[in-house]
Amino acid sequence: MEKEKYKFNLILTEGAKAQLEELQKRTGAASFAEIIRRSLAVYDALQEHTASGWELILRNKADKKSEKPVLLV
């Protein structure tokens, strides 16, 4: 059974459009919609985890330095 689909029109700044194009190129995503769906999944997971007490820490593999990124969660 196919999921119900919805169509949206987005107004983006040129910078946001450029970000989508760059992400599409780097990830090989088939469409902007695919990038947005993936982004929503990541944002949702981050929000759920931080809301339940987890924190995100990024660590550089080479020098093991870590930092806590600033996210809008």
N, C-alpha and C. Protein backbone atom coordinates (compact mmCIF):
# COMPACT_ATOMS: atom_id res chain seq x y z
N MET A 1 0.84 -1.18 0.00
CA MET A 1 0.00 0.00 0.00
C MET A 1 0.89 1.25 0.00
N GLU A 2 0.63 2.13 -0.91
CA GLU A 2 1.42 3.35 -1.04
C GLU A 2 0.95 4.39 -0.03
N LYS A 3 1.92 5.07 0.58
CA LYS A 3 1.59 6.13 1.55
C LYS A 3 0.98 7.31 0.82
N GLU A 4 0.10 8.01 1.52
CA GLU A 4 -0.50 9.21 0.96
C GLU A 4 0.59 10.27 0.80
N LYS A 5 0.57 10.99 -0.29
CA LYS A 5 1.58 12.01 -0.56
C LYS A 5 0.95 13.38 -0.58
N TYR A 6 1.75 14.38 -0.22
CA TYR A 6 1.30 15.76 -0.20
C TYR A 6 2.29 16.60 -0.99
N LYS A 7 1.79 17.60 -1.67
CA LYS A 7 2.64 18.48 -2.45
C LYS A 7 2.71 19.84 -1.75
N PHE A 8 3.93 20.36 -1.62
CA PHE A 8 4.16 21.65 -1.00
C PHE A 8 4.92 22.55 -1.97
N ASN A 9 4.65 23.82 -1.88
CA ASN A 9 5.45 24.81 -2.60
C ASN A 9 6.28 25.55 -1.56
N LEU A 10 7.57 25.62 -1.77
CA LEU A 10 8.46 26.29 -0.83
C LEU A 10 9.07 27.52 -1.48
N ILE A 11 9.17 28.56 -0.71
CA ILE A 11 9.91 29.74 -1.14
C ILE A 11 11.21 29.73 -0.37
N LEU A 12 12.32 29.62 -1.10
CA LEU A 12 13.64 29.53 -0.48
C LEU A 12 14.51 30.71 -0.90
N THR A 13 15.43 31.05 -0.02
CA THR A 13 16.43 32.03 -0.42
C THR A 13 17.38 31.37 -1.40
N GLU A 14 18.12 32.17 -2.11
CA GLU A 14 19.10 31.61 -3.04
C GLU A 14 20.12 30.75 -2.29
N GLY A 15 20.48 31.17 -1.08
CA GLY A 15 21.43 30.40 -0.27
C GLY A 15 20.89 29.02 0.10
N ALA A 16 19.62 28.96 0.48
CA ALA A 16 19.01 27.67 0.83
C ALA A 16 18.92 26.76 -0.40
N LYS A 17 18.59 27.34 -1.54
CA LYS A 17 18.55 26.55 -2.78
C LYS A 17 19.93 26.01 -3.11
N ALA A 18 20.95 26.84 -2.93
CA ALA A 18 22.32 26.39 -3.18
C ALA A 18 22.71 25.26 -2.23
N GLN A 19 22.27 25.35 -0.98
CA GLN A 19 22.53 24.27 -0.02
C GLN A 19 21.88 22.97 -0.47
N LEU A 20 20.64 23.06 -0.91
CA LEU A 20 19.95 21.86 -1.40
C LEU A 20 20.69 21.26 -2.60
N GLU A 21 21.11 22.11 -3.51
CA GLU A 21 21.83 21.62 -4.69
C GLU A 21 23.14 20.95 -4.30
N GLU A 22 23.87 21.55 -3.36
CA GLU A 22 25.13 20.98 -2.90
C GLU A 22 24.91 19.65 -2.19
N LEU A 23 23.89 19.59 -1.33
CA LEU A 23 23.58 18.33 -0.64
C LEU A 23 23.17 17.24 -1.63
N GLN A 24 22.42 17.63 -2.64
CA GLN A 24 22.00 16.66 -3.65
C GLN A 24 23.22 16.10 -4.38
N LYS A 25 24.14 16.98 -4.70
CA LYS A 25 25.36 16.57 -5.40
C LYS A 25 26.22 15.65 -4.53
N ARG A 26 26.42 16.04 -3.25
CA ARG A 26 27.27 15.26 -2.35
C ARG A 26 26.67 13.92 -1.96
N THR A 27 25.35 13.85 -1.85
CA THR A 27 24.71 12.63 -1.37
C THR A 27 24.18 11.73 -2.48
N GLY A 28 24.06 12.28 -3.68
CA GLY A 28 23.48 11.51 -4.77
C GLY A 28 21.98 11.35 -4.66
N ALA A 29 21.35 12.21 -3.86
CA ALA A 29 19.89 12.15 -3.72
C ALA A 29 19.23 12.40 -5.06
N ALA A 30 18.11 11.72 -5.28
CA ALA A 30 17.41 11.82 -6.56
C ALA A 30 16.69 13.15 -6.72
N SER A 31 16.35 13.80 -5.61
CA SER A 31 15.54 15.02 -5.69
C SER A 31 15.71 15.87 -4.44
N PHE A 32 15.24 17.10 -4.52
CA PHE A 32 15.22 17.95 -3.33
C PHE A 32 14.29 17.35 -2.28
N ALA A 33 13.20 16.76 -2.73
CA ALA A 33 12.25 16.14 -1.80
C ALA A 33 12.93 15.05 -0.98
N GLU A 34 13.80 14.27 -1.62
CA GLU A 34 14.52 13.22 -0.90
C GLU A 34 15.42 13.83 0.17
N ILE A 35 16.10 14.92 -0.15
CA ILE A 35 16.96 15.59 0.82
C ILE A 35 16.13 16.11 1.99
N ILE A 36 14.99 16.69 1.70
CA ILE A 36 14.12 17.21 2.76
C ILE A 36 13.60 16.08 3.63
N ARG A 37 13.21 14.96 3.03
CA ARG A 37 12.74 13.81 3.83
C ARG A 37 13.85 13.30 4.74
N ARG A 38 15.06 13.15 4.21
CA ARG A 38 16.19 12.70 5.02
C ARG A 38 16.47 13.68 6.14
N SER A 39 16.43 14.97 5.82
CA SER A 39 16.69 16.01 6.81
C SER A 39 15.66 15.97 7.93
N LEU A 40 14.41 15.78 7.59
CA LEU A 40 13.37 15.67 8.60
C LEU A 40 13.60 14.47 9.52
N ALA A 41 14.02 13.36 8.95
CA ALA A 41 14.28 12.16 9.76
C ALA A 41 15.42 12.42 10.74
N VAL A 42 16.49 13.07 10.28
CA VAL A 42 17.63 13.38 11.15
C VAL A 42 17.21 14.37 12.22
N TYR A 43 16.53 15.43 11.84
CA TYR A 43 16.09 16.44 12.79
C TYR A 43 15.17 15.84 13.85
N ASP A 44 14.26 14.98 13.42
CA ASP A 44 13.33 14.34 14.34
C ASP A 44 14.09 13.47 15.34
N ALA A 45 15.04 12.68 14.87
CA ALA A 45 15.83 11.82 15.76
C ALA A 45 16.63 12.66 16.75
N LEU A 46 17.26 13.73 16.28
CA LEU A 46 18.03 14.60 17.17
C LEU A 46 17.14 15.25 18.22
N GLN A 47 15.99 15.73 17.80
CA GLN A 47 15.07 16.38 18.72
C GLN A 47 14.57 15.39 19.78
N GLU A 48 14.20 14.19 19.36
CA GLU A 48 13.72 13.17 20.31
C GLU A 48 14.79 12.82 21.33
N HIS A 49 16.01 12.62 20.86
CA HIS A 49 17.09 12.25 21.77
C HIS A 49 17.45 13.39 22.73
N THR A 50 17.56 14.59 22.24
CA THR A 50 17.92 15.70 23.13
C THR A 50 16.79 15.98 24.12
N ALA A 51 15.56 15.80 23.70
CA ALA A 51 14.42 16.01 24.61
C ALA A 51 14.41 14.97 25.74
N SER A 52 15.01 13.80 25.50
CA SER A 52 15.03 12.77 26.54
C SER A 52 16.38 12.72 27.27
N GLY A 53 17.15 13.80 27.16
CA GLY A 53 18.36 13.90 27.97
C GLY A 53 19.67 13.57 27.29
N TRP A 54 19.66 13.18 26.05
CA TRP A 54 20.89 12.89 25.32
C TRP A 54 21.50 14.19 24.81
N GLU A 55 22.80 14.17 24.51
CA GLU A 55 23.43 15.30 23.87
C GLU A 55 24.27 14.80 22.70
N LEU A 56 24.38 15.63 21.69
CA LEU A 56 25.14 15.28 20.50
C LEU A 56 26.54 15.85 20.64
N ILE A 57 27.53 15.01 20.43
CA ILE A 57 28.92 15.43 20.46
C ILE A 57 29.59 14.91 19.19
N LEU A 58 30.27 15.79 18.47
CA LEU A 58 31.00 15.41 17.27
C LEU A 58 32.46 15.22 17.63
N ARG A 59 33.07 14.14 17.10
CA ARG A 59 34.48 13.88 17.40
C ARG A 59 35.24 13.68 16.10
N ASN A 60 36.36 14.34 15.98
CA ASN A 60 37.24 14.21 14.83
C ASN A 60 38.00 12.88 14.94
N LYS A 61 37.91 12.04 13.93
CA LYS A 61 38.59 10.74 13.96
C LYS A 61 40.10 10.88 14.07
N ALA A 62 40.65 11.86 13.39
CA ALA A 62 42.11 12.00 13.32
C ALA A 62 42.72 12.43 14.65
N ASP A 63 42.22 13.52 15.22
CA ASP A 63 42.87 14.03 16.43
C ASP A 63 42.04 13.85 17.70
N LYS A 64 40.90 13.20 17.58
CA LYS A 64 40.01 12.89 18.70
C LYS A 64 39.42 14.12 19.39
N LYS A 65 39.60 15.30 18.80
CA LYS A 65 38.98 16.49 19.38
C LYS A 65 37.47 16.37 19.24
N SER A 66 36.77 16.90 20.22
CA SER A 66 35.31 16.84 20.14
C SER A 66 34.72 18.21 20.43
N GLU A 67 33.51 18.36 19.96
CA GLU A 67 32.78 19.61 20.19
C GLU A 67 31.29 19.33 20.22
N LYS A 68 30.61 20.16 20.91
CA LYS A 68 29.15 20.07 20.96
C LYS A 68 28.59 21.09 19.99
N PRO A 69 27.98 20.64 18.90
CA PRO A 69 27.47 21.58 17.90
C PRO A 69 26.25 22.34 18.40
N VAL A 70 26.07 23.51 17.85
CA VAL A 70 24.89 24.31 18.17
C VAL A 70 23.79 23.89 17.19
N LEU A 71 22.70 23.42 17.73
CA LEU A 71 21.57 22.97 16.90
C LEU A 71 20.31 23.66 17.35
N LEU A 72 19.42 23.87 16.43
CA LEU A 72 18.12 24.44 16.77
C LEU A 72 17.18 23.29 17.09
N VAL A 73 17.22 22.83 18.31
CA VAL A 73 16.40 21.68 18.72
C VAL A 73 15.36 22.12 19.72
